[in-house]
Amino acid sequence: MGKYGTNLEGFGAFEGGVNADKGAPLVSTSSDGETALLFGPAALREIQAGVANGDFAIPPDAAGDTITSENPLPYWTFTDDDSAGAITCAVVVDSGSGSGNILRWTVAAGTTTGKTATLSRYLPIAATRDRAYAFYPEFTMGGATNVTSRKVIVTMQFYTAALATTGTAITHTYDFNDFVATETAVMLYGDTATRLQAPADAAFAKISLAIDTTGTNASASTLDVYEIRLLTAEPMVLLGSRDSGYGPAAIFKTSDSIILMPNVPETWTASALDSTRLRVSLIDTSSPQFDIRSDLGETTLIVAGLVSVSPATSTSTVFGVSDVPGEATSRFQILASGKQEFGDGTNAYDTNLFRSAANTLKTDDSFVVAGNITGAGVTTDLHHGITLQRTTNLTVNTSLDASATAITWSSAVKNTTLYAYWASGSTIAIPLTGWYSITCHLISGTGLGTGFAFRLYALVNGTVIAETETQAGANTTSDTFSISTIAYMTAADSLVFRASASSASKTIGGSRRSACSVVYLGNTSA
């Protein structure tokens, strides 16, 4: 017994192993050969899986017979609650099991509603006065008959050292058809999960597996139990480092958060955890969150698909693309200010796009558009514009100045791209800032007569930007006059053409040769 660390009197002359009352070995004193075991299967299973004989390695004395109070399953209690032998279980040899055995339940044909039999065991657990540990059983079962009127009820209840109940029991109920294929029944879901945390006075966890009937079946039903385990949930999992000089990492839970840290926390207070250099949190709230904190106190938060970043400064990078393999730097990043920066992967970022003022995007570099630009109901296509015509006569006044008659337009001949937009009337709204080619050609409805004149003005926001005067000739039927200029206009400017004649009651003719054209040339002065 010296190898087990005891000097108790009475063992001095002891030879051989230590066996349970049914003859199953608990401890072996033999260490001969590579197959020698220190502990027998019951003790080994309780050490490894938390449940002595939870794999049914040790059968009852009458190994193949039904388990009863006279033929008990070692370390378990079988109770026929009220089935009168209709619900039974027995250890069955099975080569697919590591222990070589399984436990098979059988419900006899014709068994009626409300019959129950139970298998149970008290499992010793480590006392946990700080309530920082949780325990949960697993029942792995399969090979069941596909019926729903046969139930599997698994329960766990904590007990004190005096075998008095403490805490609240957890019970889950399954149908046999849940275990037609191999499945593991666990107690890790629902609002009962908090009951897995061991009460401060707990010394045992009693687990039970009951078979219950809720109907009558003509045929017999069976269920195989492969193994039962008790697992321990520790308050913190430490991951050691293979690099010398570094301490372990930590995974732990606080309230509704799972926290991962590359180094164990120095203190346990909430404020200290929040100021930790680096931590990753998985937070279970009404809006589940994924929270990463940096050494500057910055946070990246993912909530329901939304990524939210709390940067240290407006120049902090809140989103960046990793370097392309073989390149020195990344090609793209977004700063906290909203500025986007682009590079070639070799040099520093050289191109940007950002908000320069209210409702304005700007770049400090060049901007090339291969297709169209669409905005505010206006589709732009470089070097296109609009042509307007008059189809009826218009009488102009005799004032030879900028207050002359505004030329109203009857129809648009080309109105597809609308760089200069005309709704109706005389005003042409300018939707886009840039250079424009402006022309207007008019024909008089009647001749002026020798010595008279027509004048034509182009005005932007009421200011004359170009004008022309045509002296009448010998033609007594009609006269023509036109204006042509290039002007830089900004979005929302108003362009109007006005005309006057030095002779009263003269008209601008309704011929389609009376027309104007406004063409966008581009913006090289922005």
Protein backbone atom coordinates (compact mmCIF):
# COMPACT_ATOMS: atom_id res chain seq x y z
CA MET A 1 0.00 0.00 0.00
CA GLY A 2 3.05 2.24 0.15
CA LYS A 3 2.54 3.25 -3.50
CA TYR A 4 -0.83 4.84 -2.52
CA GLY A 5 0.71 6.92 0.27
CA THR A 6 -0.67 5.24 3.41
CA ASN A 7 1.00 4.03 6.57
CA LEU A 8 -2.21 2.94 8.33
CA GLU A 9 -1.82 -0.04 10.59
CA GLY A 10 -3.49 -3.15 9.28
CA PHE A 11 -2.17 -2.75 5.76
CA GLY A 12 1.40 -3.74 6.58
CA ALA A 13 0.93 -7.38 5.71
CA PHE A 14 -1.70 -6.77 3.05
CA GLU A 15 -1.19 -8.38 -0.31
CA GLY A 16 -3.29 -8.15 -3.50
CA GLY A 17 -5.80 -5.58 -4.67
CA VAL A 18 -8.77 -3.80 -3.12
CA ASN A 19 -12.13 -4.98 -4.40
CA ALA A 20 -15.70 -3.82 -3.99
CA ASP A 21 -18.17 -6.00 -2.09
CA LYS A 22 -19.24 -7.60 -5.34
CA GLY A 23 -15.68 -8.46 -6.27
CA ALA A 24 -15.09 -5.67 -8.79
CA PRO A 25 -11.52 -4.32 -8.41
CA LEU A 26 -11.12 -0.78 -7.11
CA VAL A 27 -7.34 -0.60 -6.68
CA SER A 28 -4.65 -2.91 -7.98
CA THR A 29 -1.25 -3.37 -6.33
CA SER A 30 0.17 -4.97 -9.46
CA SER A 31 2.28 -2.79 -11.72
CA ASP A 32 3.69 -5.53 -13.90
CA GLY A 33 3.70 -4.82 -17.64
CA GLU A 34 2.31 -2.17 -19.91
CA THR A 35 -1.31 -3.18 -19.41
CA ALA A 36 -1.27 -2.88 -15.63
CA LEU A 37 -3.90 -0.49 -14.28
CA LEU A 38 -3.66 1.53 -11.11
CA PHE A 39 -7.45 1.62 -10.62
CA GLY A 40 -10.28 -0.74 -11.48
CA PRO A 41 -13.04 0.21 -13.95
CA ALA A 42 -15.47 1.71 -11.39
CA ALA A 43 -12.91 3.98 -9.74
CA LEU A 44 -11.34 4.82 -13.10
CA ARG A 45 -14.71 5.81 -14.58
CA GLU A 46 -15.55 8.05 -11.61
CA ILE A 47 -12.16 9.78 -11.91
CA GLN A 48 -12.33 10.16 -15.69
CA ALA A 49 -16.05 10.74 -16.35
CA GLY A 50 -17.49 11.60 -12.93
CA VAL A 51 -19.83 8.58 -12.72
CA ALA A 52 -18.72 5.24 -11.27
CA ASN A 53 -19.78 2.47 -13.65
CA GLY A 54 -21.35 5.06 -15.93
CA ASP A 55 -20.26 2.94 -18.90
CA PHE A 56 -21.68 -0.27 -17.38
CA ALA A 57 -18.30 -2.01 -17.44
CA ILE A 58 -19.23 -3.88 -14.27
CA PRO A 59 -22.40 -5.94 -14.73
CA PRO A 60 -24.54 -7.28 -11.90
CA ASP A 61 -23.73 -10.66 -10.37
CA ALA A 62 -26.06 -12.35 -12.81
CA ALA A 63 -24.55 -10.50 -15.71
CA GLY A 64 -27.16 -11.03 -18.38
CA ASP A 65 -30.21 -11.02 -16.15
CA THR A 66 -32.68 -8.23 -15.47
CA ILE A 67 -31.49 -5.69 -12.94
CA THR A 68 -33.47 -5.88 -9.72
CA SER A 69 -32.92 -5.16 -6.03
CA GLU A 70 -31.68 -8.78 -5.73
CA ASN A 71 -29.47 -8.45 -8.83
CA PRO A 72 -28.33 -4.79 -8.60
CA LEU A 73 -26.21 -2.89 -11.06
CA PRO A 74 -23.05 -1.95 -9.09
CA TYR A 75 -23.05 1.69 -7.90
CA TRP A 76 -26.63 2.27 -9.11
CA THR A 77 -30.11 1.88 -7.64
CA PHE A 78 -32.91 0.51 -9.81
CA THR A 79 -36.49 1.25 -8.70
CA ASP A 80 -39.58 -0.25 -10.29
CA ASP A 81 -41.90 2.59 -9.33
CA ASP A 82 -45.20 1.09 -10.45
CA SER A 83 -44.64 -0.99 -13.59
CA ALA A 84 -44.82 -4.39 -11.81
CA GLY A 85 -42.01 -5.73 -13.96
CA ALA A 86 -43.25 -4.29 -17.25
CA ILE A 87 -40.28 -1.91 -17.51
CA THR A 88 -36.89 -3.57 -17.08
CA CYS A 89 -33.22 -3.01 -17.88
CA ALA A 90 -30.20 -5.28 -18.24
CA VAL A 91 -26.50 -5.00 -19.12
CA VAL A 92 -25.92 -6.28 -22.66
CA VAL A 93 -22.58 -7.14 -24.25
CA ASP A 94 -21.79 -4.72 -27.10
CA SER A 95 -18.49 -4.69 -28.99
CA GLY A 96 -19.13 -1.14 -30.19
CA SER A 97 -18.81 0.23 -26.68
CA GLY A 98 -15.45 1.01 -25.08
CA SER A 99 -16.45 -0.82 -21.91
CA GLY A 100 -17.81 -3.77 -23.90
CA ASN A 101 -21.27 -3.30 -22.39
CA ILE A 102 -24.39 -1.17 -22.74
CA LEU A 103 -27.57 -0.84 -20.66
CA ARG A 104 -30.76 -1.84 -22.48
CA TRP A 105 -34.19 -0.79 -21.32
CA THR A 106 -37.26 -2.80 -22.38
CA VAL A 107 -40.92 -1.83 -22.10
CA ALA A 108 -43.09 -4.92 -22.48
CA ALA A 109 -45.79 -5.11 -25.15
CA GLY A 110 -49.16 -3.86 -23.97
CA THR A 111 -47.78 -1.78 -21.09
CA THR A 112 -50.38 0.85 -20.29
CA THR A 113 -50.16 4.55 -19.46
CA GLY A 114 -48.51 5.84 -16.28
CA LYS A 115 -45.91 3.12 -15.64
CA THR A 116 -42.41 4.17 -14.53
CA ALA A 117 -39.05 2.65 -13.57
CA THR A 118 -35.94 4.62 -12.53
CA LEU A 119 -32.16 4.18 -12.35
CA SER A 120 -30.32 6.65 -10.09
CA ARG A 121 -27.00 7.44 -8.41
CA TYR A 122 -25.58 10.04 -6.01
CA LEU A 123 -22.39 11.57 -7.45
CA PRO A 124 -19.92 13.27 -5.11
CA ILE A 125 -18.95 16.77 -6.26
CA ALA A 126 -16.25 19.09 -5.00
CA ALA A 127 -17.63 21.57 -2.47
CA THR A 128 -17.87 25.05 -4.03
CA ARG A 129 -18.69 27.65 -1.39
CA ASP A 130 -18.09 30.48 -3.88
CA ARG A 131 -20.67 28.92 -6.25
CA ALA A 132 -18.20 29.37 -9.11
CA TYR A 133 -18.54 25.81 -10.46
CA ALA A 134 -21.29 24.14 -12.44
CA PHE A 135 -21.99 20.45 -13.03
CA TYR A 136 -24.03 18.84 -15.77
CA PRO A 137 -24.70 15.21 -16.76
CA GLU A 138 -24.79 13.78 -20.26
CA PHE A 139 -26.81 10.69 -21.21
CA THR A 140 -25.76 9.14 -24.53
CA MET A 141 -28.48 6.86 -25.90
CA GLY A 142 -29.60 5.29 -29.16
CA GLY A 143 -31.09 2.23 -30.86
CA ALA A 144 -34.56 3.15 -29.62
CA THR A 145 -37.88 1.90 -30.96
CA ASN A 146 -39.54 4.68 -32.94
CA VAL A 147 -42.47 5.45 -30.62
CA THR A 148 -43.60 8.63 -28.86
CA SER A 149 -45.64 7.06 -26.04
CA ARG A 150 -42.47 5.88 -24.27
CA LYS A 151 -40.63 8.70 -22.51
CA VAL A 152 -37.10 9.19 -21.23
CA ILE A 153 -36.94 11.51 -18.20
CA VAL A 154 -33.50 12.68 -17.06
CA THR A 155 -33.12 14.62 -13.81
CA MET A 156 -30.36 16.20 -11.72
CA GLN A 157 -30.83 17.43 -8.14
CA PHE A 158 -28.12 18.77 -5.81
CA TYR A 159 -27.92 17.41 -2.23
CA THR A 160 -26.10 18.39 0.95
CA ALA A 161 -23.69 16.09 2.79
CA ALA A 162 -26.66 15.03 4.89
CA LEU A 163 -28.51 14.06 1.68
CA ALA A 164 -31.01 16.90 1.96
CA THR A 165 -32.04 18.56 -1.27
CA THR A 166 -30.55 21.98 -2.09
CA GLY A 167 -31.22 24.13 -5.09
CA THR A 168 -33.86 23.31 -7.70
CA ALA A 169 -33.94 20.11 -9.74
CA ILE A 170 -33.53 20.14 -13.51
CA THR A 171 -35.67 17.71 -15.51
CA HIS A 172 -35.89 17.17 -19.26
CA THR A 173 -38.23 14.74 -21.01
CA TYR A 174 -37.63 13.04 -24.37
CA ASP A 175 -39.49 10.52 -26.53
CA PHE A 176 -38.00 7.19 -27.54
CA ASN A 177 -38.06 8.38 -31.16
CA ASP A 178 -35.55 11.11 -30.22
CA PHE A 179 -32.98 8.32 -29.84
CA VAL A 180 -33.57 6.15 -32.89
CA ALA A 181 -30.08 7.34 -33.89
CA THR A 182 -27.40 7.93 -31.28
CA GLU A 183 -27.98 11.24 -29.47
CA THR A 184 -26.77 12.82 -26.24
CA ALA A 185 -29.35 14.25 -23.84
CA VAL A 186 -27.99 17.27 -21.95
CA MET A 187 -29.33 19.87 -19.51
CA LEU A 188 -27.63 22.92 -20.99
CA TYR A 189 -30.56 24.80 -22.51
CA GLY A 190 -33.55 26.86 -21.47
CA ASP A 191 -34.07 28.95 -18.36
CA THR A 192 -33.05 25.99 -16.20
CA ALA A 193 -29.39 26.44 -17.10
CA THR A 194 -28.75 28.66 -14.06
CA ARG A 195 -29.61 25.65 -11.84
CA LEU A 196 -26.45 23.92 -13.06
CA GLN A 197 -24.44 26.26 -10.83
CA ALA A 198 -23.79 24.24 -7.66
CA PRO A 199 -25.27 25.71 -4.45
CA ALA A 200 -22.77 26.64 -1.74
CA ASP A 201 -23.83 23.71 0.48
CA ALA A 202 -23.92 21.05 -2.24
CA ALA A 203 -21.91 17.86 -1.70
CA PHE A 204 -23.68 15.52 -4.15
CA ALA A 205 -25.51 15.66 -7.46
CA LYS A 206 -28.10 12.92 -7.76
CA ILE A 207 -28.82 11.92 -11.36
CA SER A 208 -31.64 9.69 -12.48
CA LEU A 209 -32.92 8.21 -15.72
CA ALA A 210 -36.56 7.17 -15.73
CA ILE A 211 -38.64 5.37 -18.36
CA ASP A 212 -42.30 6.39 -18.39
CA THR A 213 -45.32 5.41 -20.50
CA THR A 214 -47.97 7.79 -21.81
CA GLY A 215 -49.87 5.32 -23.98
CA THR A 216 -50.25 1.65 -24.84
CA ASN A 217 -48.26 -0.06 -27.58
CA ALA A 218 -48.94 -3.53 -28.93
CA SER A 219 -45.24 -4.28 -29.38
CA ALA A 220 -42.31 -4.15 -26.98
CA SER A 221 -40.06 -1.05 -27.05
CA THR A 222 -36.36 -0.83 -26.29
CA LEU A 223 -33.79 1.91 -25.63
CA ASP A 224 -30.00 1.52 -25.32
CA VAL A 225 -27.98 3.66 -22.90
CA TYR A 226 -24.33 3.79 -23.90
CA GLU A 227 -22.80 5.93 -21.18
CA ILE A 228 -23.56 8.54 -18.52
CA ARG A 229 -21.10 11.30 -17.61
CA LEU A 230 -20.92 14.20 -15.16
CA LEU A 231 -18.97 17.16 -16.48
CA THR A 232 -17.55 20.05 -14.49
CA ALA A 233 -17.76 23.66 -15.70
CA GLU A 234 -14.87 25.62 -14.17
CA PRO A 235 -15.07 29.40 -13.67
CA MET A 236 -11.95 30.04 -15.74
CA VAL A 237 -10.11 28.03 -18.37
CA LEU A 238 -6.40 28.75 -18.66
CA LEU A 239 -4.39 28.09 -21.82
CA GLY A 240 -0.70 27.70 -21.18
CA SER A 241 1.91 29.17 -23.52
CA ARG A 242 4.52 27.17 -25.40
CA ASP A 243 6.74 30.27 -25.40
CA SER A 244 8.72 30.53 -22.19
CA GLY A 245 8.35 33.77 -20.25
CA TYR A 246 4.65 34.17 -21.00
CA GLY A 247 1.76 33.43 -18.70
CA PRO A 248 -1.44 31.62 -19.65
CA ALA A 249 -4.39 33.04 -21.55
CA ALA A 250 -7.85 32.99 -19.97
CA ILE A 251 -11.43 32.24 -20.99
CA PHE A 252 -14.12 33.03 -18.43
CA LYS A 253 -17.69 34.25 -17.98
CA THR A 254 -19.00 37.37 -16.25
CA SER A 255 -22.77 37.84 -16.02
CA ASP A 256 -23.94 37.61 -19.67
CA SER A 257 -20.48 37.82 -21.28
CA ILE A 258 -17.86 35.31 -22.35
CA ILE A 259 -14.44 36.97 -22.23
CA LEU A 260 -11.26 35.83 -23.96
CA MET A 261 -7.97 37.41 -22.87
CA PRO A 262 -4.39 36.68 -24.00
CA ASN A 263 -3.25 37.15 -20.38
CA VAL A 264 -5.05 36.38 -17.13
CA PRO A 265 -6.74 39.46 -15.63
CA GLU A 266 -4.80 41.22 -12.89
CA THR A 267 -7.96 41.94 -10.90
CA TRP A 268 -11.55 40.74 -11.01
CA THR A 269 -13.54 43.99 -10.78
CA ALA A 270 -15.68 45.09 -13.72
CA SER A 271 -13.82 48.38 -14.09
CA ALA A 272 -10.47 46.63 -14.15
CA LEU A 273 -11.69 44.17 -16.79
CA ASP A 274 -12.96 47.08 -18.91
CA SER A 275 -9.53 48.74 -18.82
CA THR A 276 -7.66 45.55 -19.70
CA ARG A 277 -5.23 46.03 -22.56
CA LEU A 278 -6.95 43.51 -24.83
CA ARG A 279 -10.11 41.51 -24.40
CA VAL A 280 -12.74 39.92 -26.62
CA SER A 281 -16.29 39.58 -25.28
CA LEU A 282 -19.30 37.64 -26.52
CA ILE A 283 -22.29 39.34 -24.89
CA ASP A 284 -25.72 37.71 -24.67
CA THR A 285 -28.30 40.51 -24.38
CA SER A 286 -31.48 41.48 -26.24
CA SER A 287 -29.06 42.60 -28.99
CA PRO A 288 -26.21 40.03 -28.92
CA GLN A 289 -22.82 41.68 -29.25
CA PHE A 290 -19.23 40.85 -30.18
CA ASP A 291 -16.92 43.33 -28.44
CA ILE A 292 -13.17 43.80 -29.00
CA ARG A 293 -11.18 46.28 -26.88
CA SER A 294 -7.70 47.55 -27.81
CA ASP A 295 -4.81 48.82 -25.69
CA LEU A 296 -5.95 52.43 -26.36
CA GLY A 297 -9.40 51.86 -24.93
CA GLU A 298 -10.88 51.65 -28.43
CA THR A 299 -13.69 49.20 -29.02
CA THR A 300 -15.10 47.39 -32.00
CA LEU A 301 -18.67 46.25 -31.48
CA ILE A 302 -20.69 43.94 -33.73
CA VAL A 303 -24.41 44.05 -32.94
CA ALA A 304 -26.93 42.19 -35.11
CA GLY A 305 -24.76 42.56 -38.21
CA LEU A 306 -23.78 46.20 -37.48
CA VAL A 307 -20.11 46.94 -36.85
CA SER A 308 -19.68 49.87 -34.46
CA VAL A 309 -16.23 51.28 -33.66
CA SER A 310 -15.28 53.66 -30.84
CA PRO A 311 -11.91 55.10 -32.01
CA ALA A 312 -9.36 57.01 -29.98
CA THR A 313 -9.06 59.92 -32.46
CA SER A 314 -10.62 61.06 -35.74
CA THR A 315 -7.48 59.89 -37.57
CA SER A 316 -7.67 56.38 -36.13
CA THR A 317 -8.23 53.62 -38.66
CA VAL A 318 -11.65 52.05 -38.09
CA PHE A 319 -11.56 49.73 -41.08
CA GLY A 320 -8.60 48.53 -43.10
CA VAL A 321 -7.73 45.90 -45.65
CA SER A 322 -4.78 43.67 -44.86
CA ASP A 323 -1.72 43.75 -47.05
CA VAL A 324 -1.91 41.72 -50.24
CA PRO A 325 0.74 38.99 -50.05
CA GLY A 326 4.00 40.34 -51.45
CA GLU A 327 3.01 44.01 -51.03
CA ALA A 328 4.48 46.38 -48.46
CA THR A 329 1.31 48.20 -47.35
CA SER A 330 -2.46 47.84 -47.52
CA ARG A 331 -4.43 49.33 -50.40
CA PHE A 332 -7.44 50.73 -48.51
CA GLN A 333 -8.52 52.09 -45.13
CA ILE A 334 -11.32 54.16 -43.57
CA LEU A 335 -10.51 56.66 -40.83
CA ALA A 336 -12.79 57.57 -37.95
CA SER A 337 -13.46 60.90 -39.68
CA GLY A 338 -15.04 59.00 -42.57
CA LYS A 339 -12.18 59.69 -44.98
CA GLN A 340 -11.39 56.80 -47.29
CA GLU A 341 -7.76 56.41 -48.39
CA PHE A 342 -6.42 54.34 -51.26
CA GLY A 343 -2.94 53.24 -52.29
CA ASP A 344 -1.10 50.95 -54.67
CA GLY A 345 0.14 48.49 -52.05
CA THR A 346 3.72 49.72 -52.29
CA ASN A 347 3.70 53.38 -51.34
CA ALA A 348 1.75 55.43 -48.81
CA TYR A 349 -1.92 56.16 -49.47
CA ASP A 350 -2.13 58.70 -52.33
CA THR A 351 -5.88 59.04 -53.12
CA ASN A 352 -8.82 59.91 -50.91
CA LEU A 353 -12.55 60.59 -50.74
CA PHE A 354 -14.16 62.50 -47.87
CA ARG A 355 -16.89 64.90 -46.75
CA SER A 356 -15.60 68.47 -47.11
CA ALA A 357 -18.79 70.33 -46.17
CA ALA A 358 -22.49 69.75 -45.65
CA ASN A 359 -23.90 67.61 -48.50
CA THR A 360 -20.52 67.61 -50.28
CA LEU A 361 -18.10 64.80 -51.09
CA LYS A 362 -14.60 65.75 -52.18
CA THR A 363 -11.31 64.27 -53.24
CA ASP A 364 -7.92 65.93 -53.07
CA ASP A 365 -6.98 64.04 -56.20
CA SER A 366 -8.44 63.34 -59.65
CA PHE A 367 -11.84 61.78 -60.34
CA VAL A 368 -12.63 59.97 -63.58
CA VAL A 369 -16.12 58.83 -64.59
CA ALA A 370 -16.34 56.22 -67.30
CA GLY A 371 -20.12 56.07 -67.37
CA ASN A 372 -22.96 58.27 -66.17
CA ILE A 373 -23.46 60.23 -62.98
CA THR A 374 -27.00 60.29 -61.64
CA GLY A 375 -28.43 62.66 -59.06
CA ALA A 376 -31.47 64.79 -58.19
CA GLY A 377 -33.41 63.48 -61.16
CA VAL A 378 -30.64 64.46 -63.59
CA THR A 379 -28.61 61.93 -65.54
CA THR A 380 -25.39 63.36 -66.91
CA ASP A 381 -23.44 62.35 -69.95
CA LEU A 382 -20.51 64.59 -70.88
CA HIS A 383 -20.82 66.85 -73.98
CA HIS A 384 -24.59 66.53 -74.18
CA GLY A 385 -27.26 69.00 -73.31
CA ILE A 386 -30.62 70.29 -74.41
CA THR A 387 -32.13 72.02 -77.47
CA LEU A 388 -35.36 74.03 -77.12
CA GLN A 389 -37.61 75.45 -79.85
CA ARG A 390 -40.42 77.93 -80.34
CA THR A 391 -43.44 76.75 -82.34
CA THR A 392 -45.62 79.88 -82.02
CA ASN A 393 -44.98 83.60 -82.55
CA LEU A 394 -43.92 85.72 -79.57
CA THR A 395 -44.30 89.52 -79.52
CA VAL A 396 -41.27 91.30 -78.03
CA ASN A 397 -41.20 94.81 -76.57
CA THR A 398 -39.14 97.75 -77.83
CA SER A 399 -36.88 98.08 -74.76
CA LEU A 400 -33.34 97.68 -76.01
CA ASP A 401 -31.85 96.55 -72.70
CA ALA A 402 -31.67 93.52 -70.38
CA SER A 403 -35.31 93.94 -69.35
CA ALA A 404 -36.40 92.89 -72.79
CA THR A 405 -38.98 90.18 -73.35
CA ALA A 406 -38.01 86.72 -71.99
CA ILE A 407 -38.07 84.09 -74.71
CA THR A 408 -40.42 81.27 -73.71
CA TRP A 409 -39.84 77.87 -75.28
CA SER A 410 -42.47 75.57 -76.68
CA SER A 411 -40.76 72.17 -76.84
CA ALA A 412 -37.51 70.31 -76.37
CA VAL A 413 -36.01 68.69 -79.45
CA LYS A 414 -33.28 66.83 -77.56
CA ASN A 415 -34.13 66.17 -73.94
CA THR A 416 -32.47 62.90 -73.01
CA THR A 417 -29.51 63.78 -70.86
CA LEU A 418 -30.74 67.08 -69.44
CA TYR A 419 -27.51 68.71 -68.31
CA ALA A 420 -29.42 71.95 -68.52
CA TYR A 421 -32.89 71.15 -67.36
CA TRP A 422 -35.95 72.90 -68.73
CA ALA A 423 -39.38 72.26 -67.22
CA SER A 424 -41.44 74.90 -69.08
CA GLY A 425 -41.47 78.61 -69.80
CA SER A 426 -38.34 80.72 -70.25
CA THR A 427 -36.03 79.58 -67.40
CA ILE A 428 -33.45 76.84 -67.89
CA ALA A 429 -32.25 75.44 -64.53
CA ILE A 430 -28.57 74.48 -64.38
CA PRO A 431 -28.21 71.22 -62.42
CA LEU A 432 -24.43 70.72 -62.61
CA THR A 433 -21.50 73.03 -61.97
CA GLY A 434 -19.15 73.47 -64.92
CA TRP A 435 -18.54 75.00 -68.36
CA TYR A 436 -21.39 75.28 -70.87
CA SER A 437 -21.64 76.13 -74.57
CA ILE A 438 -24.63 78.49 -75.00
CA THR A 439 -26.23 79.36 -78.35
CA CYS A 440 -29.51 80.96 -79.35
CA HIS A 441 -30.76 81.52 -82.95
CA LEU A 442 -33.97 83.44 -83.61
CA ILE A 443 -35.95 84.41 -86.70
CA SER A 444 -38.34 87.31 -86.68
CA GLY A 445 -41.97 86.75 -87.54
CA THR A 446 -42.01 89.91 -89.75
CA GLY A 447 -39.30 92.10 -91.24
CA LEU A 448 -38.20 95.14 -89.27
CA GLY A 449 -37.48 97.35 -92.17
CA THR A 450 -34.30 99.26 -92.93
CA GLY A 451 -32.82 101.14 -90.00
CA PHE A 452 -34.39 99.00 -87.26
CA ALA A 453 -32.69 96.43 -85.03
CA PHE A 454 -33.20 93.24 -82.97
CA ARG A 455 -31.30 92.68 -79.72
CA LEU A 456 -30.72 89.30 -77.96
CA TYR A 457 -29.40 88.81 -74.42
CA ALA A 458 -28.25 85.79 -72.40
CA LEU A 459 -28.68 86.29 -68.62
CA VAL A 460 -27.58 84.11 -65.70
CA ASN A 461 -29.38 84.85 -62.44
CA GLY A 462 -30.52 88.19 -63.97
CA THR A 463 -27.02 89.28 -65.03
CA VAL A 464 -26.18 89.68 -68.74
CA ILE A 465 -23.35 87.37 -69.75
CA ALA A 466 -23.64 87.94 -73.51
CA GLU A 467 -25.61 90.09 -75.98
CA THR A 468 -25.88 90.78 -79.71
CA GLU A 469 -27.62 93.30 -82.02
CA THR A 470 -28.71 92.73 -85.60
CA GLN A 471 -29.52 95.63 -87.93
CA ALA A 472 -32.41 95.00 -90.28
CA GLY A 473 -31.64 94.67 -93.95
CA ALA A 474 -33.61 94.94 -97.16
CA ASN A 475 -35.51 91.71 -96.44
CA THR A 476 -39.03 92.76 -95.62
CA THR A 477 -40.28 89.27 -94.62
CA SER A 478 -38.02 88.22 -91.74
CA ASP A 479 -34.68 88.75 -90.14
CA THR A 480 -32.39 86.33 -88.25
CA PHE A 481 -30.15 86.99 -85.29
CA SER A 482 -28.18 84.78 -82.89
CA ILE A 483 -25.87 84.72 -79.88
CA SER A 484 -23.11 82.26 -78.95
CA THR A 485 -20.88 82.08 -75.85
CA ILE A 486 -19.18 79.79 -73.36
CA ALA A 487 -19.89 80.36 -69.67
CA TYR A 488 -19.07 78.76 -66.31
CA MET A 489 -22.23 78.19 -64.32
CA THR A 490 -22.92 76.50 -61.00
CA ALA A 491 -25.69 74.15 -59.99
CA ALA A 492 -29.05 75.91 -59.39
CA ASP A 493 -28.17 78.88 -61.65
CA SER A 494 -30.98 80.16 -63.91
CA LEU A 495 -30.35 80.85 -67.61
CA VAL A 496 -32.80 83.08 -69.55
CA PHE A 497 -32.71 84.53 -73.10
CA ARG A 498 -34.36 87.90 -73.71
CA ALA A 499 -35.10 89.73 -76.98
CA SER A 500 -36.29 93.24 -78.03
CA ALA A 501 -36.93 95.13 -81.26
CA SER A 502 -36.53 98.84 -82.00
CA SER A 503 -39.84 98.73 -83.86
CA ALA A 504 -43.09 98.05 -82.07
CA SER A 505 -45.24 94.94 -82.50
CA LYS A 506 -42.46 92.80 -83.87
CA THR A 507 -42.47 89.04 -83.13
CA ILE A 508 -40.13 86.11 -82.76
CA GLY A 509 -41.38 83.69 -85.37
CA GLY A 510 -42.89 80.30 -84.65
CA SER A 511 -40.60 78.55 -87.12
CA ARG A 512 -38.59 75.67 -85.71
CA ARG A 513 -35.52 77.65 -86.76
CA SER A 514 -36.05 79.73 -83.59
CA ALA A 515 -34.17 77.60 -81.05
CA CYS A 516 -31.56 77.56 -78.30
CA SER A 517 -28.99 74.97 -77.24
CA VAL A 518 -27.16 74.52 -73.91
CA VAL A 519 -24.40 71.89 -73.83
CA TYR A 520 -22.36 70.82 -70.78
CA LEU A 521 -18.61 70.77 -71.55
CA GLY A 522 -17.24 69.59 -68.23
CA ASN A 523 -15.82 71.03 -65.01
CA THR A 524 -12.12 71.85 -64.94
CA SER A 525 -12.32 74.69 -62.42
CA ALA A 526 -13.89 72.94 -59.40
